[in-house]
């Protein structure tokens, strides 16, 4: 069983995009655009409510493979709809930054998850 201490000590990440190759000249404009769009996506609401800042795990384990099937990885599904919505906001913001540069967008049938 996966206990809280093990989960908190694990290195994990949430993917908001596919792995992409960019030119040196695209780095600064892309980073700037990503910062702006992700800040806007996760800005606290003006009504004073707090922005969602944590993810709930527990939707089950899944194994994914990269596009060329050369690597696979284990992931933990998100545990609730709020966590799912939060990650989808990040994916949309990232897609909006990628689109003008012609970079591939995230998978149409995205399955937000935490990679371990």
C-alpha atoms as a PDB file:
ATOM      1  CA  UNK A   1       0.000   0.000   0.000  1.00  0.00           C
ATOM      2  CA  UNK A   2       1.140   3.518  -0.737  1.00  0.00           C
ATOM      3  CA  UNK A   3       1.157   5.588   2.449  1.00  0.00           C
ATOM      4  CA  UNK A   4       1.273   9.393   2.673  1.00  0.00           C
ATOM      5  CA  UNK A   5       4.950   9.515   3.719  1.00  0.00           C
ATOM      6  CA  UNK A   6       6.002   7.440   0.715  1.00  0.00           C
ATOM      7  CA  UNK A   7       3.913   9.530  -1.649  1.00  0.00           C
ATOM      8  CA  UNK A   8       5.267  12.810  -0.264  1.00  0.00           C
ATOM      9  CA  UNK A   9       8.878  11.642  -0.588  1.00  0.00           C
ATOM     10  CA  UNK A  10       8.426  10.419  -4.156  1.00  0.00           C
ATOM     11  CA  UNK A  11       9.521  12.455  -7.127  1.00  0.00           C
ATOM     12  CA  UNK A  12       6.612  13.004  -9.452  1.00  0.00           C
ATOM     13  CA  UNK A  13       5.356  15.451 -12.023  1.00  0.00           C
ATOM     14  CA  UNK A  14       2.206  16.418 -13.851  1.00  0.00           C
ATOM     15  CA  UNK A  15       2.647  16.649 -17.623  1.00  0.00           C
ATOM     16  CA  UNK A  16       0.958  19.596 -19.303  1.00  0.00           C
ATOM     17  CA  UNK A  17       2.399  18.896 -22.760  1.00  0.00           C
ATOM     18  CA  UNK A  18       4.030  16.328 -24.942  1.00  0.00           C
ATOM     19  CA  UNK A  19       7.822  16.331 -25.073  1.00  0.00           C
ATOM     20  CA  UNK A  20       8.731  18.741 -27.875  1.00  0.00           C
ATOM     21  CA  UNK A  21      11.855  19.911 -29.645  1.00  0.00           C
ATOM     22  CA  UNK A  22      12.256  23.670 -29.927  1.00  0.00           C
ATOM     23  CA  UNK A  23      14.941  25.851 -31.425  1.00  0.00           C
ATOM     24  CA  UNK A  24      17.174  28.031 -29.287  1.00  0.00           C
ATOM     25  CA  UNK A  25      15.344  31.121 -30.537  1.00  0.00           C
ATOM     26  CA  UNK A  26      12.001  29.726 -29.362  1.00  0.00           C
ATOM     27  CA  UNK A  27      13.074  29.200 -25.738  1.00  0.00           C
ATOM     28  CA  UNK A  28      12.596  32.709 -24.367  1.00  0.00           C
ATOM     29  CA  UNK A  29       9.323  33.510 -26.211  1.00  0.00           C
ATOM     30  CA  UNK A  30       7.864  30.130 -25.224  1.00  0.00           C
ATOM     31  CA  UNK A  31       8.878  30.410 -21.564  1.00  0.00           C
ATOM     32  CA  UNK A  32       7.472  33.941 -21.406  1.00  0.00           C
ATOM     33  CA  UNK A  33       4.188  32.877 -23.003  1.00  0.00           C
ATOM     34  CA  UNK A  34       3.898  29.822 -20.729  1.00  0.00           C
ATOM     35  CA  UNK A  35       4.470  31.950 -17.610  1.00  0.00           C
ATOM     36  CA  UNK A  36       1.798  34.430 -18.662  1.00  0.00           C
ATOM     37  CA  UNK A  37      -0.801  31.840 -19.630  1.00  0.00           C
ATOM     38  CA  UNK A  38      -0.227  29.544 -16.638  1.00  0.00           C
ATOM     39  CA  UNK A  39      -0.370  32.477 -14.204  1.00  0.00           C
ATOM     40  CA  UNK A  40      -3.674  33.530 -15.755  1.00  0.00           C
ATOM     41  CA  UNK A  41      -5.006  29.963 -15.633  1.00  0.00           C
ATOM     42  CA  UNK A  42      -4.238  29.601 -11.926  1.00  0.00           C
ATOM     43  CA  UNK A  43      -4.876  33.156 -10.742  1.00  0.00           C
ATOM     44  CA  UNK A  44      -7.068  33.236  -7.619  1.00  0.00           C
ATOM     45  CA  UNK A  45     -10.636  34.351  -8.365  1.00  0.00           C
ATOM     46  CA  UNK A  46     -11.471  38.009  -7.752  1.00  0.00           C
ATOM     47  CA  UNK A  47     -14.278  37.048  -5.376  1.00  0.00           C
ATOM     48  CA  UNK A  48     -11.679  36.319  -2.722  1.00  0.00           C
ATOM     49  CA  UNK A  49     -11.896  32.543  -2.909  1.00  0.00           C
ATOM     50  CA  UNK A  50      -8.659  30.623  -2.959  1.00  0.00           C
ATOM     51  CA  UNK A  51      -7.360  29.068  -6.139  1.00  0.00           C
ATOM     52  CA  UNK A  52      -7.057  25.300  -6.162  1.00  0.00           C
ATOM     53  CA  UNK A  53      -3.460  24.513  -5.191  1.00  0.00           C
ATOM     54  CA  UNK A  54      -3.441  20.800  -4.479  1.00  0.00           C
ATOM     55  CA  UNK A  55      -4.272  17.621  -6.318  1.00  0.00           C
ATOM     56  CA  UNK A  56      -6.166  14.631  -5.031  1.00  0.00           C
ATOM     57  CA  UNK A  57      -4.760  11.226  -5.942  1.00  0.00           C
ATOM     58  CA  UNK A  58      -6.392   7.871  -5.770  1.00  0.00           C
ATOM     59  CA  UNK A  59      -8.038   7.213  -9.087  1.00  0.00           C
ATOM     60  CA  UNK A  60      -5.887   4.126  -9.658  1.00  0.00           C
ATOM     61  CA  UNK A  61      -2.645   3.157 -11.380  1.00  0.00           C
ATOM     62  CA  UNK A  62      -2.123   3.342 -15.138  1.00  0.00           C
ATOM     63  CA  UNK A  63       0.807   2.524 -17.416  1.00  0.00           C
ATOM     64  CA  UNK A  64       1.403   4.898 -20.332  1.00  0.00           C
ATOM     65  CA  UNK A  65       3.871   4.761 -23.236  1.00  0.00           C
ATOM     66  CA  UNK A  66       5.404   7.688 -25.083  1.00  0.00           C
ATOM     67  CA  UNK A  67       4.495   8.439 -28.715  1.00  0.00           C
ATOM     68  CA  UNK A  68       7.116   6.160 -30.269  1.00  0.00           C
ATOM     69  CA  UNK A  69       6.560   3.466 -27.623  1.00  0.00           C
ATOM     70  CA  UNK A  70      10.247   3.509 -26.639  1.00  0.00           C
ATOM     71  CA  UNK A  71       9.513   4.290 -22.974  1.00  0.00           C
ATOM     72  CA  UNK A  72       6.718   3.490 -20.582  1.00  0.00           C
ATOM     73  CA  UNK A  73       5.933   4.862 -17.145  1.00  0.00           C
ATOM     74  CA  UNK A  74       3.617   4.319 -14.222  1.00  0.00           C
ATOM     75  CA  UNK A  75       1.171   7.021 -13.266  1.00  0.00           C
ATOM     76  CA  UNK A  76      -1.379   7.660 -10.584  1.00  0.00           C
ATOM     77  CA  UNK A  77      -4.765   8.888 -11.749  1.00  0.00           C
ATOM     78  CA  UNK A  78      -6.278  11.946 -10.162  1.00  0.00           C
ATOM     79  CA  UNK A  79      -8.788  11.254  -7.441  1.00  0.00           C
ATOM     80  CA  UNK A  80     -11.504  13.831  -8.014  1.00  0.00           C
ATOM     81  CA  UNK A  81     -13.131  16.115 -10.572  1.00  0.00           C
ATOM     82  CA  UNK A  82     -11.577  19.292  -9.114  1.00  0.00           C
ATOM     83  CA  UNK A  83      -8.058  17.902  -9.583  1.00  0.00           C
ATOM     84  CA  UNK A  84      -8.944  16.808 -13.107  1.00  0.00           C
ATOM     85  CA  UNK A  85     -10.257  20.311 -13.956  1.00  0.00           C
ATOM     86  CA  UNK A  86      -7.159  21.936 -12.482  1.00  0.00           C
ATOM     87  CA  UNK A  87      -4.768  19.915 -14.648  1.00  0.00           C
ATOM     88  CA  UNK A  88      -6.952  20.446 -17.745  1.00  0.00           C
ATOM     89  CA  UNK A  89      -6.679  24.229 -17.163  1.00  0.00           C
ATOM     90  CA  UNK A  90      -2.902  23.873 -17.243  1.00  0.00           C
ATOM     91  CA  UNK A  91      -3.034  21.749 -20.398  1.00  0.00           C
ATOM     92  CA  UNK A  92      -5.258  24.319 -22.147  1.00  0.00           C
ATOM     93  CA  UNK A  93      -2.926  27.171 -21.148  1.00  0.00           C
ATOM     94  CA  UNK A  94       0.085  25.218 -22.426  1.00  0.00           C
ATOM     95  CA  UNK A  95      -1.678  24.396 -25.706  1.00  0.00           C
ATOM     96  CA  UNK A  96      -2.427  28.109 -26.171  1.00  0.00           C
ATOM     97  CA  UNK A  97       1.293  28.888 -25.801  1.00  0.00           C
ATOM     98  CA  UNK A  98       2.352  26.046 -28.120  1.00  0.00           C
ATOM     99  CA  UNK A  99      -0.126  26.702 -30.942  1.00  0.00           C
ATOM    100  CA  UNK A 100       1.402  29.930 -32.364  1.00  0.00           C
ATOM    101  CA  UNK A 101       4.806  28.207 -32.544  1.00  0.00           C
ATOM    102  CA  UNK A 102       3.404  25.214 -34.403  1.00  0.00           C
ATOM    103  CA  UNK A 103       4.291  22.854 -31.563  1.00  0.00           C
ATOM    104  CA  UNK A 104       2.220  19.692 -31.082  1.00  0.00           C
ATOM    105  CA  UNK A 105      -0.693  20.107 -28.718  1.00  0.00           C
ATOM    106  CA  UNK A 106      -1.446  17.724 -25.859  1.00  0.00           C
ATOM    107  CA  UNK A 107      -3.344  14.559 -26.654  1.00  0.00           C
ATOM    108  CA  UNK A 108      -6.955  15.139 -27.699  1.00  0.00           C
ATOM    109  CA  UNK A 109      -8.076  12.328 -25.395  1.00  0.00           C
ATOM    110  CA  UNK A 110      -5.894  13.568 -22.530  1.00  0.00           C
ATOM    111  CA  UNK A 111      -5.952  11.603 -19.310  1.00  0.00           C
ATOM    112  CA  UNK A 112      -4.549  13.912 -16.615  1.00  0.00           C
ATOM    113  CA  UNK A 113      -2.312  11.986 -14.235  1.00  0.00           C
ATOM    114  CA  UNK A 114       0.736  12.225 -12.001  1.00  0.00           C
ATOM    115  CA  UNK A 115       3.826  10.447 -13.330  1.00  0.00           C
ATOM    116  CA  UNK A 116       6.020   8.673 -10.816  1.00  0.00           C
END
